[in-house]
Amino acid sequence: MSAILQTGSLALRPMLDEDLVAVISIERIAYTHPWTIGIFRDCLRVGYHCQVLEQDCEILGYAIMSEAVGEAHILNVCIHPESQGNGFGRLLVNDLLDAARRLSADIMLLEVRPSNKAALGLYHNMGFCEVGTRKNYYPSDNGREDALILALNL
């Protein structure tokens, strides 16, 4: 687990079980098809790199990454919609990249909706490249949406 990073009133720290009520609340506001609290509990239980970003003891966002056999995989990065556009997503992704490097991962992978232009812009700006597509990967209001697979060599 990474150490607590504090910048002014911002703190980046490991996610705890007691954070899940706030995390699931943000998840439900931010996504039309949110993860369940059980998925978050499983991520904590198996030891994934799970972080929360808080300001003045209020959780603004979170990030989850798995790592195995030299590959790190961003599973979820979310910032409360009222806090988006302030560089918090970049802060969380940079934390995941640092953690992946500490774990000696060679590559970081993720899936993103093509319709999520803000996330795509962030990832492309950070050096991620499109390497493939997963057809019908995400549920959507109109059936299913493809996922773009992005990668960054570490």
N, C-alpha and C. Protein backbone atom coordinates (compact mmCIF):
# COMPACT_ATOMS: atom_id res chain seq x y z
N MET A 1 0.84 -1.18 0.00
CA MET A 1 0.00 0.00 0.00
C MET A 1 0.88 1.24 0.00
N SER A 2 0.40 2.25 -0.69
CA SER A 2 1.19 3.46 -0.73
C SER A 2 0.95 4.30 0.52
N ALA A 3 1.90 5.15 0.78
CA ALA A 3 1.79 6.04 1.93
C ALA A 3 0.74 7.11 1.65
N ILE A 4 0.37 7.78 2.68
CA ILE A 4 -0.58 8.88 2.54
C ILE A 4 0.14 10.06 1.90
N LEU A 5 -0.45 10.61 0.85
CA LEU A 5 0.07 11.81 0.21
C LEU A 5 -0.83 12.96 0.63
N GLN A 6 -0.23 14.01 1.14
CA GLN A 6 -1.03 15.18 1.51
C GLN A 6 -0.50 16.40 0.78
N THR A 7 -1.40 17.13 0.16
CA THR A 7 -1.08 18.37 -0.52
C THR A 7 -2.12 19.37 -0.09
N GLY A 8 -1.74 20.33 0.75
CA GLY A 8 -2.73 21.26 1.28
C GLY A 8 -3.77 20.48 2.05
N SER A 9 -5.03 20.66 1.69
CA SER A 9 -6.10 19.94 2.38
C SER A 9 -6.49 18.64 1.66
N LEU A 10 -5.76 18.28 0.59
CA LEU A 10 -6.02 17.03 -0.12
C LEU A 10 -5.21 15.90 0.50
N ALA A 11 -5.82 14.73 0.59
CA ALA A 11 -5.11 13.55 1.08
C ALA A 11 -5.45 12.38 0.18
N LEU A 12 -4.44 11.64 -0.22
CA LEU A 12 -4.60 10.41 -0.99
C LEU A 12 -4.16 9.29 -0.08
N ARG A 13 -5.07 8.33 0.17
CA ARG A 13 -4.76 7.28 1.13
C ARG A 13 -5.45 5.98 0.72
N PRO A 14 -5.01 4.86 1.32
CA PRO A 14 -5.66 3.59 1.02
C PRO A 14 -7.15 3.60 1.39
N MET A 15 -7.95 2.98 0.54
CA MET A 15 -9.38 2.84 0.79
C MET A 15 -9.59 1.84 1.91
N LEU A 16 -10.55 2.14 2.78
CA LEU A 16 -10.90 1.27 3.90
C LEU A 16 -12.35 0.80 3.75
N ASP A 17 -12.70 -0.27 4.44
CA ASP A 17 -14.09 -0.74 4.42
C ASP A 17 -15.06 0.37 4.80
N GLU A 18 -14.67 1.17 5.79
CA GLU A 18 -15.59 2.21 6.24
C GLU A 18 -15.77 3.35 5.23
N ASP A 19 -14.97 3.37 4.16
CA ASP A 19 -15.12 4.36 3.09
C ASP A 19 -16.18 3.96 2.07
N LEU A 20 -16.61 2.70 2.10
CA LEU A 20 -17.43 2.19 1.01
C LEU A 20 -18.79 2.87 0.88
N VAL A 21 -19.37 3.36 1.95
CA VAL A 21 -20.65 4.06 1.85
C VAL A 21 -20.46 5.32 1.00
N ALA A 22 -19.42 6.09 1.25
CA ALA A 22 -19.15 7.30 0.47
C ALA A 22 -18.75 6.94 -0.96
N VAL A 23 -17.94 5.90 -1.11
CA VAL A 23 -17.48 5.49 -2.44
C VAL A 23 -18.67 5.06 -3.31
N ILE A 24 -19.54 4.23 -2.77
CA ILE A 24 -20.68 3.75 -3.56
C ILE A 24 -21.63 4.90 -3.87
N SER A 25 -21.72 5.87 -2.99
CA SER A 25 -22.55 7.05 -3.26
C SER A 25 -22.02 7.82 -4.47
N ILE A 26 -20.72 8.03 -4.53
CA ILE A 26 -20.11 8.71 -5.68
C ILE A 26 -20.29 7.87 -6.94
N GLU A 27 -20.07 6.58 -6.83
CA GLU A 27 -20.20 5.66 -7.97
C GLU A 27 -21.59 5.76 -8.59
N ARG A 28 -22.61 5.81 -7.74
CA ARG A 28 -23.99 5.87 -8.23
C ARG A 28 -24.33 7.21 -8.87
N ILE A 29 -23.72 8.28 -8.38
CA ILE A 29 -23.94 9.61 -8.98
C ILE A 29 -23.21 9.72 -10.31
N ALA A 30 -22.03 9.16 -10.39
CA ALA A 30 -21.16 9.36 -11.55
C ALA A 30 -21.48 8.45 -12.74
N TYR A 31 -22.02 7.27 -12.49
CA TYR A 31 -22.20 6.28 -13.56
C TYR A 31 -23.65 5.84 -13.68
N THR A 32 -24.06 5.62 -14.91
CA THR A 32 -25.42 5.10 -15.14
C THR A 32 -25.51 3.62 -14.80
N HIS A 33 -24.38 2.92 -14.84
CA HIS A 33 -24.33 1.49 -14.52
C HIS A 33 -23.20 1.27 -13.52
N PRO A 34 -23.44 1.64 -12.25
CA PRO A 34 -22.38 1.61 -11.23
C PRO A 34 -22.01 0.20 -10.79
N TRP A 35 -20.79 0.12 -10.25
CA TRP A 35 -20.37 -1.10 -9.57
C TRP A 35 -21.24 -1.26 -8.32
N THR A 36 -21.34 -2.50 -7.86
CA THR A 36 -22.03 -2.77 -6.60
C THR A 36 -21.04 -2.63 -5.44
N ILE A 37 -21.57 -2.48 -4.25
CA ILE A 37 -20.70 -2.41 -3.07
C ILE A 37 -19.94 -3.73 -2.91
N GLY A 38 -20.53 -4.84 -3.34
CA GLY A 38 -19.84 -6.13 -3.28
C GLY A 38 -18.59 -6.16 -4.13
N ILE A 39 -18.62 -5.52 -5.30
CA ILE A 39 -17.43 -5.47 -6.15
C ILE A 39 -16.32 -4.71 -5.43
N PHE A 40 -16.66 -3.58 -4.82
CA PHE A 40 -15.65 -2.82 -4.08
C PHE A 40 -15.10 -3.65 -2.92
N ARG A 41 -15.98 -4.33 -2.20
CA ARG A 41 -15.52 -5.17 -1.08
C ARG A 41 -14.56 -6.26 -1.57
N ASP A 42 -14.89 -6.88 -2.71
CA ASP A 42 -14.02 -7.91 -3.28
C ASP A 42 -12.65 -7.33 -3.65
N CYS A 43 -12.62 -6.13 -4.20
CA CYS A 43 -11.35 -5.49 -4.55
C CYS A 43 -10.48 -5.27 -3.32
N LEU A 44 -11.11 -4.84 -2.24
CA LEU A 44 -10.37 -4.67 -0.99
C LEU A 44 -9.90 -6.02 -0.44
N ARG A 45 -10.79 -7.01 -0.49
CA ARG A 45 -10.51 -8.32 0.09
C ARG A 45 -9.32 -9.00 -0.59
N VAL A 46 -9.23 -8.87 -1.92
CA VAL A 46 -8.15 -9.55 -2.63
C VAL A 46 -6.86 -8.74 -2.68
N GLY A 47 -6.90 -7.52 -2.12
CA GLY A 47 -5.67 -6.75 -1.99
C GLY A 47 -5.31 -5.89 -3.19
N TYR A 48 -6.29 -5.54 -4.02
CA TYR A 48 -6.00 -4.61 -5.11
C TYR A 48 -5.56 -3.27 -4.52
N HIS A 49 -4.88 -2.49 -5.34
CA HIS A 49 -4.46 -1.15 -4.94
C HIS A 49 -5.69 -0.25 -5.02
N CYS A 50 -6.27 0.06 -3.87
CA CYS A 50 -7.51 0.85 -3.78
C CYS A 50 -7.21 2.11 -2.99
N GLN A 51 -7.41 3.26 -3.62
CA GLN A 51 -7.11 4.54 -3.00
C GLN A 51 -8.34 5.43 -2.98
N VAL A 52 -8.40 6.32 -2.02
CA VAL A 52 -9.39 7.39 -2.02
C VAL A 52 -8.65 8.72 -1.97
N LEU A 53 -9.28 9.71 -2.59
CA LEU A 53 -8.80 11.07 -2.53
C LEU A 53 -9.81 11.85 -1.72
N GLU A 54 -9.33 12.49 -0.67
CA GLU A 54 -10.25 13.24 0.17
C GLU A 54 -9.74 14.65 0.38
N GLN A 55 -10.69 15.53 0.64
CA GLN A 55 -10.39 16.92 0.97
C GLN A 55 -11.21 17.28 2.19
N ASP A 56 -10.52 17.73 3.21
CA ASP A 56 -11.19 18.08 4.47
C ASP A 56 -12.07 16.91 4.95
N CYS A 57 -11.53 15.71 4.88
CA CYS A 57 -12.18 14.47 5.34
C CYS A 57 -13.40 14.07 4.51
N GLU A 58 -13.61 14.68 3.35
CA GLU A 58 -14.70 14.28 2.44
C GLU A 58 -14.10 13.61 1.22
N ILE A 59 -14.57 12.41 0.90
CA ILE A 59 -14.04 11.67 -0.24
C ILE A 59 -14.54 12.31 -1.53
N LEU A 60 -13.57 12.67 -2.39
CA LEU A 60 -13.87 13.28 -3.69
C LEU A 60 -13.80 12.28 -4.82
N GLY A 61 -13.03 11.21 -4.63
CA GLY A 61 -12.86 10.22 -5.69
C GLY A 61 -12.06 9.04 -5.20
N TYR A 62 -11.87 8.09 -6.11
CA TYR A 62 -11.19 6.84 -5.77
C TYR A 62 -10.63 6.21 -7.02
N ALA A 63 -9.71 5.28 -6.82
CA ALA A 63 -9.10 4.56 -7.93
C ALA A 63 -8.76 3.15 -7.47
N ILE A 64 -8.90 2.21 -8.41
CA ILE A 64 -8.63 0.80 -8.11
C ILE A 64 -7.81 0.20 -9.25
N MET A 65 -6.77 -0.54 -8.87
CA MET A 65 -5.88 -1.17 -9.84
C MET A 65 -5.54 -2.58 -9.39
N SER A 66 -5.49 -3.49 -10.34
CA SER A 66 -4.98 -4.84 -10.07
C SER A 66 -3.61 -4.95 -10.72
N GLU A 67 -2.84 -5.91 -10.26
CA GLU A 67 -1.51 -6.15 -10.84
C GLU A 67 -1.21 -7.63 -10.74
N ALA A 68 -0.72 -8.19 -11.84
CA ALA A 68 -0.30 -9.59 -11.87
C ALA A 68 0.62 -9.81 -13.07
N VAL A 69 1.61 -10.60 -12.89
CA VAL A 69 2.50 -11.06 -13.95
C VAL A 69 3.01 -9.90 -14.82
N GLY A 70 3.42 -8.82 -14.18
CA GLY A 70 4.00 -7.71 -14.92
C GLY A 70 3.01 -6.78 -15.59
N GLU A 71 1.72 -7.03 -15.42
CA GLU A 71 0.70 -6.17 -16.00
C GLU A 71 -0.15 -5.53 -14.91
N ALA A 72 -0.30 -4.24 -14.99
CA ALA A 72 -1.21 -3.52 -14.09
C ALA A 72 -2.44 -3.14 -14.90
N HIS A 73 -3.59 -3.13 -14.23
CA HIS A 73 -4.85 -2.87 -14.92
C HIS A 73 -5.68 -1.89 -14.09
N ILE A 74 -5.93 -0.72 -14.66
CA ILE A 74 -6.81 0.25 -14.00
C ILE A 74 -8.23 -0.27 -14.14
N LEU A 75 -8.87 -0.51 -13.00
CA LEU A 75 -10.23 -1.06 -13.00
C LEU A 75 -11.29 0.02 -12.84
N ASN A 76 -10.97 1.06 -12.08
CA ASN A 76 -11.96 2.11 -11.83
C ASN A 76 -11.23 3.36 -11.36
N VAL A 77 -11.55 4.47 -11.97
CA VAL A 77 -11.12 5.79 -11.52
C VAL A 77 -12.35 6.67 -11.58
N CYS A 78 -12.69 7.30 -10.48
CA CYS A 78 -13.90 8.10 -10.44
C CYS A 78 -13.71 9.31 -9.54
N ILE A 79 -14.15 10.46 -10.04
CA ILE A 79 -14.17 11.69 -9.27
C ILE A 79 -15.62 12.14 -9.20
N HIS A 80 -16.05 12.57 -8.02
CA HIS A 80 -17.41 13.09 -7.88
C HIS A 80 -17.63 14.15 -8.95
N PRO A 81 -18.77 14.10 -9.66
CA PRO A 81 -19.01 15.05 -10.76
C PRO A 81 -18.81 16.52 -10.36
N GLU A 82 -19.13 16.90 -9.13
CA GLU A 82 -18.94 18.28 -8.69
C GLU A 82 -17.47 18.67 -8.53
N SER A 83 -16.58 17.68 -8.49
CA SER A 83 -15.15 17.93 -8.29
C SER A 83 -14.33 17.67 -9.54
N GLN A 84 -14.99 17.29 -10.64
CA GLN A 84 -14.26 17.00 -11.88
C GLN A 84 -13.71 18.29 -12.49
N GLY A 85 -12.66 18.13 -13.28
CA GLY A 85 -12.05 19.26 -13.96
C GLY A 85 -11.02 20.01 -13.14
N ASN A 86 -10.61 19.43 -12.02
CA ASN A 86 -9.62 20.08 -11.14
C ASN A 86 -8.29 19.34 -11.09
N GLY A 87 -8.09 18.35 -11.96
CA GLY A 87 -6.83 17.60 -11.97
C GLY A 87 -6.81 16.43 -11.01
N PHE A 88 -7.95 16.15 -10.36
CA PHE A 88 -7.97 15.05 -9.39
C PHE A 88 -7.86 13.69 -10.06
N GLY A 89 -8.46 13.53 -11.22
CA GLY A 89 -8.33 12.27 -11.96
C GLY A 89 -6.88 11.99 -12.32
N ARG A 90 -6.19 13.02 -12.79
CA ARG A 90 -4.76 12.88 -13.13
C ARG A 90 -3.96 12.48 -11.88
N LEU A 91 -4.27 13.08 -10.76
CA LEU A 91 -3.59 12.75 -9.50
C LEU A 91 -3.78 11.27 -9.17
N LEU A 92 -5.00 10.78 -9.29
CA LEU A 92 -5.26 9.37 -9.00
C LEU A 92 -4.56 8.44 -9.99
N VAL A 93 -4.61 8.78 -11.28
CA VAL A 93 -3.95 7.93 -12.28
C VAL A 93 -2.44 7.93 -12.05
N ASN A 94 -1.87 9.09 -11.73
CA ASN A 94 -0.43 9.12 -11.44
C ASN A 94 -0.08 8.24 -10.24
N ASP A 95 -0.95 8.22 -9.23
CA ASP A 95 -0.72 7.34 -8.09
C ASP A 95 -0.73 5.88 -8.53
N LEU A 96 -1.67 5.52 -9.40
CA LEU A 96 -1.72 4.14 -9.89
C LEU A 96 -0.47 3.80 -10.70
N LEU A 97 -0.02 4.72 -11.52
CA LEU A 97 1.19 4.49 -12.30
C LEU A 97 2.40 4.29 -11.39
N ASP A 98 2.52 5.12 -10.37
CA ASP A 98 3.62 4.97 -9.40
C ASP A 98 3.54 3.62 -8.70
N ALA A 99 2.34 3.23 -8.29
CA ALA A 99 2.18 1.93 -7.61
C ALA A 99 2.54 0.79 -8.55
N ALA A 100 2.14 0.87 -9.81
CA ALA A 100 2.46 -0.18 -10.78
C ALA A 100 3.96 -0.29 -10.98
N ARG A 101 4.63 0.84 -11.04
CA ARG A 101 6.09 0.81 -11.20
C ARG A 101 6.76 0.20 -9.98
N ARG A 102 6.26 0.53 -8.79
CA ARG A 102 6.82 -0.07 -7.56
C ARG A 102 6.64 -1.58 -7.56
N LEU A 103 5.57 -2.05 -8.18
CA LEU A 103 5.30 -3.49 -8.27
C LEU A 103 6.00 -4.13 -9.46
N SER A 104 6.83 -3.36 -10.16
CA SER A 104 7.61 -3.82 -11.31
C SER A 104 6.75 -4.24 -12.50
N ALA A 105 5.59 -3.62 -12.65
CA ALA A 105 4.77 -3.89 -13.83
C ALA A 105 5.43 -3.26 -15.05
N ASP A 106 5.28 -3.91 -16.19
CA ASP A 106 5.85 -3.42 -17.44
C ASP A 106 4.87 -2.57 -18.24
N ILE A 107 3.58 -2.79 -18.00
CA ILE A 107 2.56 -2.13 -18.79
C ILE A 107 1.33 -1.85 -17.93
N MET A 108 0.66 -0.75 -18.23
CA MET A 108 -0.61 -0.41 -17.59
C MET A 108 -1.68 -0.49 -18.66
N LEU A 109 -2.76 -1.19 -18.35
CA LEU A 109 -3.88 -1.35 -19.27
C LEU A 109 -5.15 -0.81 -18.63
N LEU A 110 -6.11 -0.45 -19.47
CA LEU A 110 -7.42 -0.03 -18.98
C LEU A 110 -8.42 -0.12 -20.12
N GLU A 111 -9.69 -0.15 -19.75
CA GLU A 111 -10.78 -0.03 -20.71
C GLU A 111 -11.50 1.28 -20.43
N VAL A 112 -11.99 1.91 -21.49
CA VAL A 112 -12.73 3.16 -21.35
C VAL A 112 -13.80 3.21 -22.43
N ARG A 113 -14.93 3.81 -22.06
CA ARG A 113 -16.01 3.99 -23.04
C ARG A 113 -15.57 5.02 -24.08
N PRO A 114 -15.80 4.76 -25.37
CA PRO A 114 -15.51 5.80 -26.38
C PRO A 114 -16.31 7.08 -26.14
N SER A 115 -17.48 6.96 -25.50
CA SER A 115 -18.30 8.13 -25.22
C SER A 115 -17.78 8.96 -24.05
N ASN A 116 -16.81 8.45 -23.29
CA ASN A 116 -16.27 9.18 -22.14
C ASN A 116 -15.09 10.04 -22.61
N LYS A 117 -15.44 11.15 -23.25
CA LYS A 117 -14.44 12.02 -23.88
C LYS A 117 -13.46 12.62 -22.87
N ALA A 118 -13.94 12.96 -21.68
CA ALA A 118 -13.05 13.53 -20.67
C ALA A 118 -11.98 12.53 -20.26
N ALA A 119 -12.38 11.29 -19.99
CA ALA A 119 -11.41 10.26 -19.60
C ALA A 119 -10.45 9.96 -20.75
N LEU A 120 -10.98 9.85 -21.95
CA LEU A 120 -10.11 9.59 -23.11
C LEU A 120 -9.07 10.69 -23.27
N GLY A 121 -9.50 11.95 -23.11
CA GLY A 121 -8.57 13.06 -23.22
C GLY A 121 -7.48 12.98 -22.16
N LEU A 122 -7.87 12.66 -20.93
CA LEU A 122 -6.90 12.53 -19.85
C LEU A 122 -5.89 11.42 -20.17
N TYR A 123 -6.40 10.24 -20.51
CA TYR A 123 -5.50 9.11 -20.76
C TYR A 123 -4.58 9.38 -21.95
N HIS A 124 -5.10 9.93 -23.03
CA HIS A 124 -4.24 10.24 -24.18
C HIS A 124 -3.20 11.27 -23.81
N ASN A 125 -3.59 12.28 -23.04
CA ASN A 125 -2.66 13.32 -22.59
C ASN A 125 -1.56 12.74 -21.71
N MET A 126 -1.86 11.65 -21.00
CA MET A 126 -0.88 11.02 -20.12
C MET A 126 -0.02 9.99 -20.85
N GLY A 127 -0.25 9.82 -22.16
CA GLY A 127 0.59 8.94 -22.96
C GLY A 127 0.01 7.57 -23.27
N PHE A 128 -1.21 7.29 -22.84
CA PHE A 128 -1.84 6.01 -23.17
C PHE A 128 -2.18 5.98 -24.65
N CYS A 129 -2.07 4.80 -25.25
CA CYS A 129 -2.38 4.58 -26.67
C CYS A 129 -3.45 3.51 -26.79
N GLU A 130 -4.31 3.65 -27.80
CA GLU A 130 -5.33 2.65 -28.06
C GLU A 130 -4.66 1.41 -28.68
N VAL A 131 -4.98 0.25 -28.10
CA VAL A 131 -4.39 -1.00 -28.59
C VAL A 131 -5.44 -2.02 -29.01
N GLY A 132 -6.71 -1.71 -28.81
CA GLY A 132 -7.74 -2.65 -29.20
C GLY A 132 -9.12 -2.19 -28.75
N THR A 133 -10.09 -3.06 -29.03
CA THR A 133 -11.48 -2.80 -28.68
C THR A 133 -12.09 -4.07 -28.10
N ARG A 134 -12.89 -3.92 -27.08
CA ARG A 134 -13.70 -5.02 -26.57
C ARG A 134 -15.14 -4.72 -26.98
N LYS A 135 -15.66 -5.55 -27.86
CA LYS A 135 -17.01 -5.35 -28.38
C LYS A 135 -18.05 -5.59 -27.29
N ASN A 136 -19.04 -4.71 -27.25
CA ASN A 136 -20.19 -4.87 -26.34
C ASN A 136 -19.77 -5.07 -24.88
N TYR A 137 -18.77 -4.37 -24.44
CA TYR A 137 -18.18 -4.57 -23.12
C TYR A 137 -19.00 -3.94 -22.00
N TYR A 138 -19.47 -2.71 -22.21
CA TYR A 138 -20.17 -1.97 -21.17
C TYR A 138 -21.68 -2.00 -21.37
N PRO A 139 -22.44 -2.14 -20.29
CA PRO A 139 -23.88 -1.94 -20.42
C PRO A 139 -24.16 -0.45 -20.67
N SER A 140 -25.20 -0.18 -21.43
CA SER A 140 -25.58 1.21 -21.67
C SER A 140 -27.10 1.29 -21.73
N ASP A 141 -27.60 2.49 -21.77
CA ASP A 141 -29.05 2.69 -21.85
C ASP A 141 -29.61 2.18 -23.18
N ASN A 142 -28.74 2.05 -24.18
CA ASN A 142 -29.16 1.58 -25.51
C ASN A 142 -28.64 0.18 -25.81
N GLY A 143 -28.45 -0.64 -24.81
CA GLY A 143 -27.93 -2.00 -25.03
C GLY A 143 -26.54 -2.15 -24.48
N ARG A 144 -25.54 -2.17 -25.36
CA ARG A 144 -24.15 -2.35 -24.97
C ARG A 144 -23.28 -1.34 -25.71
N GLU A 145 -22.15 -1.00 -25.09
CA GLU A 145 -21.19 -0.08 -25.69
C GLU A 145 -19.82 -0.76 -25.70
N ASP A 146 -19.09 -0.57 -26.79
CA ASP A 146 -17.73 -1.10 -26.87
C ASP A 146 -16.83 -0.42 -25.85
N ALA A 147 -15.71 -1.05 -25.57
CA ALA A 147 -14.67 -0.44 -24.75
C ALA A 147 -13.42 -0.30 -25.60
N LEU A 148 -12.76 0.83 -25.47
CA LEU A 148 -11.44 0.99 -26.05
C LEU A 148 -10.43 0.49 -25.04
N ILE A 149 -9.47 -0.30 -25.49
CA ILE A 149 -8.40 -0.78 -24.62
C ILE A 149 -7.23 0.17 -24.82
N LEU A 150 -6.75 0.74 -23.73
CA LEU A 150 -5.61 1.64 -23.78
C LEU A 150 -4.45 1.03 -23.01
N ALA A 151 -3.25 1.37 -23.43
CA ALA A 151 -2.05 0.83 -22.78
C ALA A 151 -0.97 1.90 -22.67
N LEU A 152 -0.16 1.76 -21.65
CA LEU A 152 0.99 2.63 -21.46
C LEU A 152 2.14 1.76 -20.99
N ASN A 153 3.25 1.78 -21.74
CA ASN A 153 4.43 1.05 -21.30
C ASN A 153 5.06 1.78 -20.13
N LEU A 154 5.41 1.01 -19.10
CA LEU A 154 6.00 1.59 -17.91
C LEU A 154 7.51 1.40 -17.96
